[in-house]
C-alpha atoms as a PDB file:
ATOM      1  CA  UNK A   1       0.000   0.000   0.000  1.00  0.00           C
ATOM      2  CA  UNK A   2       2.778   2.401   0.841  1.00  0.00           C
ATOM      3  CA  UNK A   3       4.746   2.097  -2.371  1.00  0.00           C
ATOM      4  CA  UNK A   4       3.304   5.572  -2.832  1.00  0.00           C
ATOM      5  CA  UNK A   5       6.293   6.702  -0.795  1.00  0.00           C
ATOM      6  CA  UNK A   6       8.544   6.086  -3.802  1.00  0.00           C
ATOM      7  CA  UNK A   7       6.349   8.337  -5.918  1.00  0.00           C
ATOM      8  CA  UNK A   8       6.700  11.318  -3.549  1.00  0.00           C
ATOM      9  CA  UNK A   9       2.976  11.254  -2.806  1.00  0.00           C
ATOM     10  CA  UNK A  10       3.544  11.074   0.949  1.00  0.00           C
ATOM     11  CA  UNK A  11       6.620  12.404   2.797  1.00  0.00           C
ATOM     12  CA  UNK A  12       7.238   9.325   4.976  1.00  0.00           C
ATOM     13  CA  UNK A  13       5.883   5.831   5.475  1.00  0.00           C
ATOM     14  CA  UNK A  14       3.443   5.554   8.412  1.00  0.00           C
ATOM     15  CA  UNK A  15       4.756   2.010   8.974  1.00  0.00           C
ATOM     16  CA  UNK A  16       8.272   3.073   9.991  1.00  0.00           C
ATOM     17  CA  UNK A  17       7.683   2.684  13.736  1.00  0.00           C
ATOM     18  CA  UNK A  18       5.301  -0.284  13.530  1.00  0.00           C
ATOM     19  CA  UNK A  19       6.788  -3.384  15.147  1.00  0.00           C
ATOM     20  CA  UNK A  20       6.447  -6.835  13.634  1.00  0.00           C
ATOM     21  CA  UNK A  21       3.598  -8.829  15.233  1.00  0.00           C
ATOM     22  CA  UNK A  22       5.987 -11.677  16.027  1.00  0.00           C
ATOM     23  CA  UNK A  23       9.649 -12.510  15.726  1.00  0.00           C
ATOM     24  CA  UNK A  24      10.445 -13.976  12.323  1.00  0.00           C
ATOM     25  CA  UNK A  25      11.439 -17.617  12.625  1.00  0.00           C
ATOM     26  CA  UNK A  26      13.182 -19.777  10.067  1.00  0.00           C
ATOM     27  CA  UNK A  27      11.915 -23.295   9.531  1.00  0.00           C
ATOM     28  CA  UNK A  28      14.278 -26.101  10.400  1.00  0.00           C
ATOM     29  CA  UNK A  29      12.019 -29.043   9.530  1.00  0.00           C
ATOM     30  CA  UNK A  30      13.874 -32.093   8.218  1.00  0.00           C
ATOM     31  CA  UNK A  31      12.065 -35.334   7.412  1.00  0.00           C
ATOM     32  CA  UNK A  32      13.612 -38.391   9.013  1.00  0.00           C
ATOM     33  CA  UNK A  33      14.107 -41.687   7.199  1.00  0.00           C
ATOM     34  CA  UNK A  34      10.723 -43.100   8.225  1.00  0.00           C
ATOM     35  CA  UNK A  35       8.925 -39.966   7.077  1.00  0.00           C
ATOM     36  CA  UNK A  36      10.758 -39.970   3.754  1.00  0.00           C
ATOM     37  CA  UNK A  37       9.767 -43.601   3.198  1.00  0.00           C
ATOM     38  CA  UNK A  38       6.129 -42.848   4.075  1.00  0.00           C
ATOM     39  CA  UNK A  39       6.051 -39.868   1.737  1.00  0.00           C
ATOM     40  CA  UNK A  40       7.599 -41.779  -1.175  1.00  0.00           C
ATOM     41  CA  UNK A  41       5.202 -44.717  -0.734  1.00  0.00           C
ATOM     42  CA  UNK A  42       2.283 -42.296  -0.787  1.00  0.00           C
ATOM     43  CA  UNK A  43       3.605 -40.598  -3.942  1.00  0.00           C
ATOM     44  CA  UNK A  44       3.803 -44.032  -5.582  1.00  0.00           C
ATOM     45  CA  UNK A  45       0.322 -45.123  -4.438  1.00  0.00           C
ATOM     46  CA  UNK A  46      -2.649 -45.153  -6.853  1.00  0.00           C
ATOM     47  CA  UNK A  47      -4.633 -41.938  -7.106  1.00  0.00           C
ATOM     48  CA  UNK A  48      -7.465 -41.826  -4.586  1.00  0.00           C
ATOM     49  CA  UNK A  49     -10.778 -42.347  -6.276  1.00  0.00           C
ATOM     50  CA  UNK A  50     -13.323 -39.581  -6.373  1.00  0.00           C
ATOM     51  CA  UNK A  51     -16.233 -40.202  -4.043  1.00  0.00           C
ATOM     52  CA  UNK A  52     -18.701 -40.862  -6.849  1.00  0.00           C
ATOM     53  CA  UNK A  53     -16.350 -43.439  -8.449  1.00  0.00           C
ATOM     54  CA  UNK A  54     -15.738 -45.566  -5.377  1.00  0.00           C
ATOM     55  CA  UNK A  55     -17.208 -49.022  -5.167  1.00  0.00           C
ATOM     56  CA  UNK A  56     -18.290 -50.737  -1.970  1.00  0.00           C
ATOM     57  CA  UNK A  57     -15.291 -52.297  -0.265  1.00  0.00           C
ATOM     58  CA  UNK A  58     -12.740 -50.202  -2.154  1.00  0.00           C
ATOM     59  CA  UNK A  59      -9.766 -48.980  -0.182  1.00  0.00           C
ATOM     60  CA  UNK A  60      -9.413 -45.203  -0.040  1.00  0.00           C
ATOM     61  CA  UNK A  61      -5.892 -45.097   1.372  1.00  0.00           C
ATOM     62  CA  UNK A  62      -4.358 -43.246  -1.583  1.00  0.00           C
ATOM     63  CA  UNK A  63      -3.627 -39.548  -1.686  1.00  0.00           C
ATOM     64  CA  UNK A  64      -5.520 -37.140  -3.904  1.00  0.00           C
ATOM     65  CA  UNK A  65      -2.664 -35.125  -5.416  1.00  0.00           C
ATOM     66  CA  UNK A  66      -2.193 -35.323  -9.173  1.00  0.00           C
ATOM     67  CA  UNK A  67       0.600 -37.193 -10.926  1.00  0.00           C
ATOM     68  CA  UNK A  68       2.471 -34.013 -12.001  1.00  0.00           C
ATOM     69  CA  UNK A  69       2.577 -32.738  -8.419  1.00  0.00           C
ATOM     70  CA  UNK A  70       3.744 -36.136  -7.129  1.00  0.00           C
ATOM     71  CA  UNK A  71       6.565 -36.253  -9.664  1.00  0.00           C
ATOM     72  CA  UNK A  72       7.531 -32.632  -8.959  1.00  0.00           C
ATOM     73  CA  UNK A  73       7.874 -33.420  -5.248  1.00  0.00           C
ATOM     74  CA  UNK A  74       9.964 -36.493  -6.046  1.00  0.00           C
ATOM     75  CA  UNK A  75      12.244 -34.513  -8.339  1.00  0.00           C
ATOM     76  CA  UNK A  76      12.676 -31.818  -5.714  1.00  0.00           C
ATOM     77  CA  UNK A  77      13.678 -34.361  -3.073  1.00  0.00           C
ATOM     78  CA  UNK A  78      16.122 -36.118  -5.410  1.00  0.00           C
ATOM     79  CA  UNK A  79      17.779 -32.975  -6.814  1.00  0.00           C
ATOM     80  CA  UNK A  80      17.516 -30.685  -3.742  1.00  0.00           C
ATOM     81  CA  UNK A  81      16.450 -27.712  -5.848  1.00  0.00           C
ATOM     82  CA  UNK A  82      13.955 -24.999  -4.955  1.00  0.00           C
ATOM     83  CA  UNK A  83      10.281 -25.767  -5.474  1.00  0.00           C
ATOM     84  CA  UNK A  84       9.681 -22.981  -7.990  1.00  0.00           C
ATOM     85  CA  UNK A  85      12.820 -23.963  -9.926  1.00  0.00           C
ATOM     86  CA  UNK A  86      11.468 -27.497 -10.191  1.00  0.00           C
ATOM     87  CA  UNK A  87       7.889 -26.727 -11.185  1.00  0.00           C
ATOM     88  CA  UNK A  88       9.054 -24.103 -13.711  1.00  0.00           C
ATOM     89  CA  UNK A  89      11.420 -26.541 -15.417  1.00  0.00           C
ATOM     90  CA  UNK A  90      11.254 -26.817 -19.204  1.00  0.00           C
ATOM     91  CA  UNK A  91      12.496 -29.724 -21.279  1.00  0.00           C
ATOM     92  CA  UNK A  92      14.869 -27.413 -23.117  1.00  0.00           C
ATOM     93  CA  UNK A  93      16.758 -26.957 -19.828  1.00  0.00           C
ATOM     94  CA  UNK A  94      17.780 -30.640 -19.855  1.00  0.00           C
ATOM     95  CA  UNK A  95      20.651 -32.297 -21.674  1.00  0.00           C
ATOM     96  CA  UNK A  96      19.746 -35.965 -21.349  1.00  0.00           C
ATOM     97  CA  UNK A  97      22.855 -37.031 -23.262  1.00  0.00           C
ATOM     98  CA  UNK A  98      25.185 -35.375 -20.772  1.00  0.00           C
ATOM     99  CA  UNK A  99      22.760 -36.006 -17.916  1.00  0.00           C
ATOM    100  CA  UNK A 100      22.500 -32.471 -16.578  1.00  0.00           C
ATOM    101  CA  UNK A 101      19.927 -29.730 -16.136  1.00  0.00           C
ATOM    102  CA  UNK A 102      20.875 -26.081 -16.506  1.00  0.00           C
ATOM    103  CA  UNK A 103      18.723 -23.661 -14.543  1.00  0.00           C
ATOM    104  CA  UNK A 104      18.875 -20.316 -16.399  1.00  0.00           C
ATOM    105  CA  UNK A 105      19.719 -17.235 -14.376  1.00  0.00           C
ATOM    106  CA  UNK A 106      16.213 -15.823 -14.817  1.00  0.00           C
ATOM    107  CA  UNK A 107      14.774 -18.897 -13.083  1.00  0.00           C
ATOM    108  CA  UNK A 108      17.329 -19.028 -10.255  1.00  0.00           C
ATOM    109  CA  UNK A 109      16.706 -17.180  -7.008  1.00  0.00           C
ATOM    110  CA  UNK A 110      20.172 -15.593  -7.015  1.00  0.00           C
ATOM    111  CA  UNK A 111      20.088 -14.835 -10.727  1.00  0.00           C
ATOM    112  CA  UNK A 112      23.036 -17.129 -11.476  1.00  0.00           C
ATOM    113  CA  UNK A 113      22.853 -19.994 -13.994  1.00  0.00           C
ATOM    114  CA  UNK A 114      23.164 -23.325 -12.245  1.00  0.00           C
ATOM    115  CA  UNK A 115      24.048 -26.813 -13.504  1.00  0.00           C
ATOM    116  CA  UNK A 116      22.389 -29.753 -11.746  1.00  0.00           C
ATOM    117  CA  UNK A 117      23.836 -33.186 -12.600  1.00  0.00           C
ATOM    118  CA  UNK A 118      21.136 -35.852 -12.834  1.00  0.00           C
ATOM    119  CA  UNK A 119      21.522 -39.050 -10.830  1.00  0.00           C
ATOM    120  CA  UNK A 120      19.920 -42.252 -12.210  1.00  0.00           C
ATOM    121  CA  UNK A 121      16.895 -41.780  -9.944  1.00  0.00           C
ATOM    122  CA  UNK A 122      16.341 -38.277 -11.342  1.00  0.00           C
ATOM    123  CA  UNK A 123      16.570 -39.663 -14.885  1.00  0.00           C
ATOM    124  CA  UNK A 124      13.995 -42.314 -13.945  1.00  0.00           C
ATOM    125  CA  UNK A 125      11.600 -39.603 -12.750  1.00  0.00           C
ATOM    126  CA  UNK A 126      12.087 -37.685 -16.000  1.00  0.00           C
ATOM    127  CA  UNK A 127      11.315 -40.882 -17.894  1.00  0.00           C
ATOM    128  CA  UNK A 128       8.121 -41.312 -15.846  1.00  0.00           C
ATOM    129  CA  UNK A 129       7.056 -37.751 -16.676  1.00  0.00           C
ATOM    130  CA  UNK A 130       7.206 -38.723 -20.339  1.00  0.00           C
ATOM    131  CA  UNK A 131       5.263 -36.684 -22.857  1.00  0.00           C
ATOM    132  CA  UNK A 132       6.699 -35.235 -26.038  1.00  0.00           C
ATOM    133  CA  UNK A 133       9.578 -33.586 -24.146  1.00  0.00           C
ATOM    134  CA  UNK A 134       8.734 -30.108 -25.298  1.00  0.00           C
ATOM    135  CA  UNK A 135       7.450 -27.241 -23.198  1.00  0.00           C
ATOM    136  CA  UNK A 136       6.977 -27.547 -19.449  1.00  0.00           C
ATOM    137  CA  UNK A 137       7.772 -30.699 -17.474  1.00  0.00           C
ATOM    138  CA  UNK A 138       4.766 -30.143 -15.238  1.00  0.00           C
ATOM    139  CA  UNK A 139       2.115 -28.691 -17.496  1.00  0.00           C
ATOM    140  CA  UNK A 140      -0.923 -27.197 -15.801  1.00  0.00           C
ATOM    141  CA  UNK A 141      -4.234 -28.689 -16.999  1.00  0.00           C
ATOM    142  CA  UNK A 142      -5.853 -25.267 -16.604  1.00  0.00           C
ATOM    143  CA  UNK A 143      -3.396 -22.961 -18.366  1.00  0.00           C
ATOM    144  CA  UNK A 144      -0.588 -22.824 -20.898  1.00  0.00           C
ATOM    145  CA  UNK A 145       1.992 -22.610 -18.101  1.00  0.00           C
ATOM    146  CA  UNK A 146       3.297 -24.998 -15.440  1.00  0.00           C
ATOM    147  CA  UNK A 147       1.389 -26.138 -12.375  1.00  0.00           C
ATOM    148  CA  UNK A 148       0.933 -23.392  -9.805  1.00  0.00           C
ATOM    149  CA  UNK A 149       3.218 -22.749  -6.875  1.00  0.00           C
ATOM    150  CA  UNK A 150       0.333 -22.654  -4.405  1.00  0.00           C
ATOM    151  CA  UNK A 151      -1.230 -25.782  -5.921  1.00  0.00           C
ATOM    152  CA  UNK A 152       1.795 -27.821  -4.865  1.00  0.00           C
ATOM    153  CA  UNK A 153       1.703 -26.401  -1.318  1.00  0.00           C
ATOM    154  CA  UNK A 154      -2.029 -27.025  -1.000  1.00  0.00           C
ATOM    155  CA  UNK A 155      -1.829 -30.573  -2.355  1.00  0.00           C
ATOM    156  CA  UNK A 156       0.876 -31.585   0.094  1.00  0.00           C
ATOM    157  CA  UNK A 157      -0.813 -29.902   3.053  1.00  0.00           C
ATOM    158  CA  UNK A 158      -4.135 -31.585   2.221  1.00  0.00           C
ATOM    159  CA  UNK A 159      -2.619 -35.069   2.093  1.00  0.00           C
ATOM    160  CA  UNK A 160      -0.260 -34.940   5.095  1.00  0.00           C
ATOM    161  CA  UNK A 161      -2.716 -36.731   7.397  1.00  0.00           C
ATOM    162  CA  UNK A 162      -3.197 -39.544   4.896  1.00  0.00           C
ATOM    163  CA  UNK A 163       0.556 -39.846   4.379  1.00  0.00           C
ATOM    164  CA  UNK A 164       1.058 -40.005   8.143  1.00  0.00           C
ATOM    165  CA  UNK A 165       3.587 -37.206   8.615  1.00  0.00           C
ATOM    166  CA  UNK A 166       3.062 -33.895  10.329  1.00  0.00           C
ATOM    167  CA  UNK A 167       3.848 -30.287   9.435  1.00  0.00           C
ATOM    168  CA  UNK A 168       5.868 -30.555   6.247  1.00  0.00           C
ATOM    169  CA  UNK A 169       6.058 -28.311   3.209  1.00  0.00           C
ATOM    170  CA  UNK A 170       7.602 -28.776  -0.239  1.00  0.00           C
ATOM    171  CA  UNK A 171      10.484 -26.482   0.734  1.00  0.00           C
ATOM    172  CA  UNK A 172      11.296 -28.838   3.616  1.00  0.00           C
ATOM    173  CA  UNK A 173      12.204 -31.482   1.028  1.00  0.00           C
ATOM    174  CA  UNK A 174      15.130 -29.344  -0.148  1.00  0.00           C
ATOM    175  CA  UNK A 175      16.361 -28.944   3.438  1.00  0.00           C
ATOM    176  CA  UNK A 176      15.821 -32.653   4.013  1.00  0.00           C
ATOM    177  CA  UNK A 177      17.950 -33.605   1.007  1.00  0.00           C
ATOM    178  CA  UNK A 178      20.723 -31.210   2.058  1.00  0.00           C
ATOM    179  CA  UNK A 179      20.739 -32.475   5.650  1.00  0.00           C
ATOM    180  CA  UNK A 180      20.839 -36.129   4.655  1.00  0.00           C
ATOM    181  CA  UNK A 181      23.666 -35.431   2.204  1.00  0.00           C
ATOM    182  CA  UNK A 182      25.848 -33.945   4.930  1.00  0.00           C
ATOM    183  CA  UNK A 183      24.900 -36.851   7.214  1.00  0.00           C
ATOM    184  CA  UNK A 184      26.486 -39.327   4.764  1.00  0.00           C
ATOM    185  CA  UNK A 185      29.733 -37.398   4.597  1.00  0.00           C
ATOM    186  CA  UNK A 186      29.219 -34.961   1.731  1.00  0.00           C
ATOM    187  CA  UNK A 187      30.944 -31.666   2.477  1.00  0.00           C
ATOM    188  CA  UNK A 188      28.898 -28.580   3.194  1.00  0.00           C
ATOM    189  CA  UNK A 189      30.718 -26.750   0.409  1.00  0.00           C
ATOM    190  CA  UNK A 190      29.578 -29.277  -2.184  1.00  0.00           C
ATOM    191  CA  UNK A 191      26.037 -29.271  -0.766  1.00  0.00           C
ATOM    192  CA  UNK A 192      26.060 -25.474  -0.952  1.00  0.00           C
ATOM    193  CA  UNK A 193      27.049 -25.721  -4.631  1.00  0.00           C
ATOM    194  CA  UNK A 194      24.170 -28.143  -5.252  1.00  0.00           C
ATOM    195  CA  UNK A 195      21.766 -25.741  -3.517  1.00  0.00           C
ATOM    196  CA  UNK A 196      23.156 -22.855  -5.611  1.00  0.00           C
ATOM    197  CA  UNK A 197      23.660 -20.622  -2.597  1.00  0.00           C
ATOM    198  CA  UNK A 198      25.250 -17.264  -3.331  1.00  0.00           C
ATOM    199  CA  UNK A 199      28.721 -17.004  -1.814  1.00  0.00           C
ATOM    200  CA  UNK A 200      30.074 -13.738  -0.394  1.00  0.00           C
ATOM    201  CA  UNK A 201      33.689 -12.657  -0.462  1.00  0.00           C
ATOM    202  CA  UNK A 202      36.581 -12.295  -2.855  1.00  0.00           C
ATOM    203  CA  UNK A 203      37.238 -16.054  -3.075  1.00  0.00           C
ATOM    204  CA  UNK A 204      33.822 -16.648  -4.619  1.00  0.00           C
ATOM    205  CA  UNK A 205      34.637 -14.123  -7.354  1.00  0.00           C
ATOM    206  CA  UNK A 206      37.845 -15.902  -8.345  1.00  0.00           C
ATOM    207  CA  UNK A 207      36.748 -19.513  -7.816  1.00  0.00           C
ATOM    208  CA  UNK A 208      35.189 -20.446 -11.173  1.00  0.00           C
ATOM    209  CA  UNK A 209      35.454 -24.209 -10.764  1.00  0.00           C
ATOM    210  CA  UNK A 210      32.108 -25.667 -11.847  1.00  0.00           C
ATOM    211  CA  UNK A 211      32.036 -28.454  -9.213  1.00  0.00           C
ATOM    212  CA  UNK A 212      30.130 -30.609 -11.716  1.00  0.00           C
ATOM    213  CA  UNK A 213      32.160 -33.710 -10.827  1.00  0.00           C
ATOM    214  CA  UNK A 214      31.656 -33.221  -7.090  1.00  0.00           C
ATOM    215  CA  UNK A 215      27.971 -32.362  -7.446  1.00  0.00           C
ATOM    216  CA  UNK A 216      27.327 -35.436  -9.575  1.00  0.00           C
ATOM    217  CA  UNK A 217      29.094 -37.735  -7.104  1.00  0.00           C
ATOM    218  CA  UNK A 218      27.151 -36.194  -4.220  1.00  0.00           C
ATOM    219  CA  UNK A 219      23.758 -36.439  -5.913  1.00  0.00           C
ATOM    220  CA  UNK A 220      24.406 -40.056  -6.912  1.00  0.00           C
ATOM    221  CA  UNK A 221      25.353 -40.855  -3.305  1.00  0.00           C
ATOM    222  CA  UNK A 222      22.191 -39.132  -2.052  1.00  0.00           C
ATOM    223  CA  UNK A 223      20.108 -40.979  -4.652  1.00  0.00           C
ATOM    224  CA  UNK A 224      21.502 -44.319  -3.492  1.00  0.00           C
ATOM    225  CA  UNK A 225      20.866 -43.423   0.145  1.00  0.00           C
ATOM    226  CA  UNK A 226      17.317 -42.390  -0.735  1.00  0.00           C
ATOM    227  CA  UNK A 227      16.728 -45.743  -2.432  1.00  0.00           C
ATOM    228  CA  UNK A 228      17.930 -47.485   0.732  1.00  0.00           C
ATOM    229  CA  UNK A 229      15.513 -45.426   2.812  1.00  0.00           C
ATOM    230  CA  UNK A 230      12.503 -46.227   0.642  1.00  0.00           C
ATOM    231  CA  UNK A 231      13.539 -49.855   0.234  1.00  0.00           C
ATOM    232  CA  UNK A 232      13.920 -49.912  -3.522  1.00  0.00           C
ATOM    233  CA  UNK A 233      16.679 -51.595  -5.489  1.00  0.00           C
ATOM    234  CA  UNK A 234      19.121 -49.218  -7.225  1.00  0.00           C
ATOM    235  CA  UNK A 235      17.849 -47.799 -10.497  1.00  0.00           C
ATOM    236  CA  UNK A 236      19.527 -49.460 -13.447  1.00  0.00           C
ATOM    237  CA  UNK A 237      20.109 -46.498 -15.727  1.00  0.00           C
ATOM    238  CA  UNK A 238      23.046 -45.113 -17.602  1.00  0.00           C
ATOM    239  CA  UNK A 239      25.219 -42.840 -15.463  1.00  0.00           C
ATOM    240  CA  UNK A 240      26.990 -40.157 -17.473  1.00  0.00           C
ATOM    241  CA  UNK A 241      30.602 -39.857 -16.299  1.00  0.00           C
ATOM    242  CA  UNK A 242      32.146 -36.437 -15.838  1.00  0.00           C
ATOM    243  CA  UNK A 243      35.872 -35.957 -15.951  1.00  0.00           C
ATOM    244  CA  UNK A 244      37.618 -33.658 -13.563  1.00  0.00           C
ATOM    245  CA  UNK A 245      38.841 -30.411 -15.074  1.00  0.00           C
ATOM    246  CA  UNK A 246      42.466 -31.524 -14.633  1.00  0.00           C
ATOM    247  CA  UNK A 247      41.810 -34.531 -16.878  1.00  0.00           C
END
């Protein structure tokens, strides 16, 4: 309302001395192994039938969220990227020969292009998405764009009770992936590169190493750990090797 201040309509903002209603708190929610397994099983379960389609004796244990939202949540957990960067993904961002996704600067929170190596599990999810591999990965059924940001939040919130986990959001999946990666010995620096966090200081300006090799190794290790958690055999897909820059 008080953007009028920038137009010289009023001399000062009346909100200057207004205190925040509560101290801002940062979420620290991380799903444990049991919760991850429960979530993944639910994402794999058949779509819950609409009330009018159910037959007597049918089980209604499935969740209601659509297939695109399920696959978007899976891809976010596997790649540790931001929710909006996942749901706004386009097929043209992916090089399936090299096995990498490039997030353009205009789609990245910090404005910097970001390369995300794709572990076999991520490639399997892309294969499940299917389609003609043009346009958006997660096409909205109601518009020409991708599924909505709030739609993903609402779908997960609505199905938490059925899944059997409490208070979790899509953004928590990114934090969960990062935390589990460090727990299996992956360095915080490499995890930070995967998360595409902006780095302050002079060193960041001069360090132009892409970290593709390290990021790929880390995401493969996380993918294998995730498969252990959900009790699935390793995905048998081609893994694209990356040579170190020195080679």
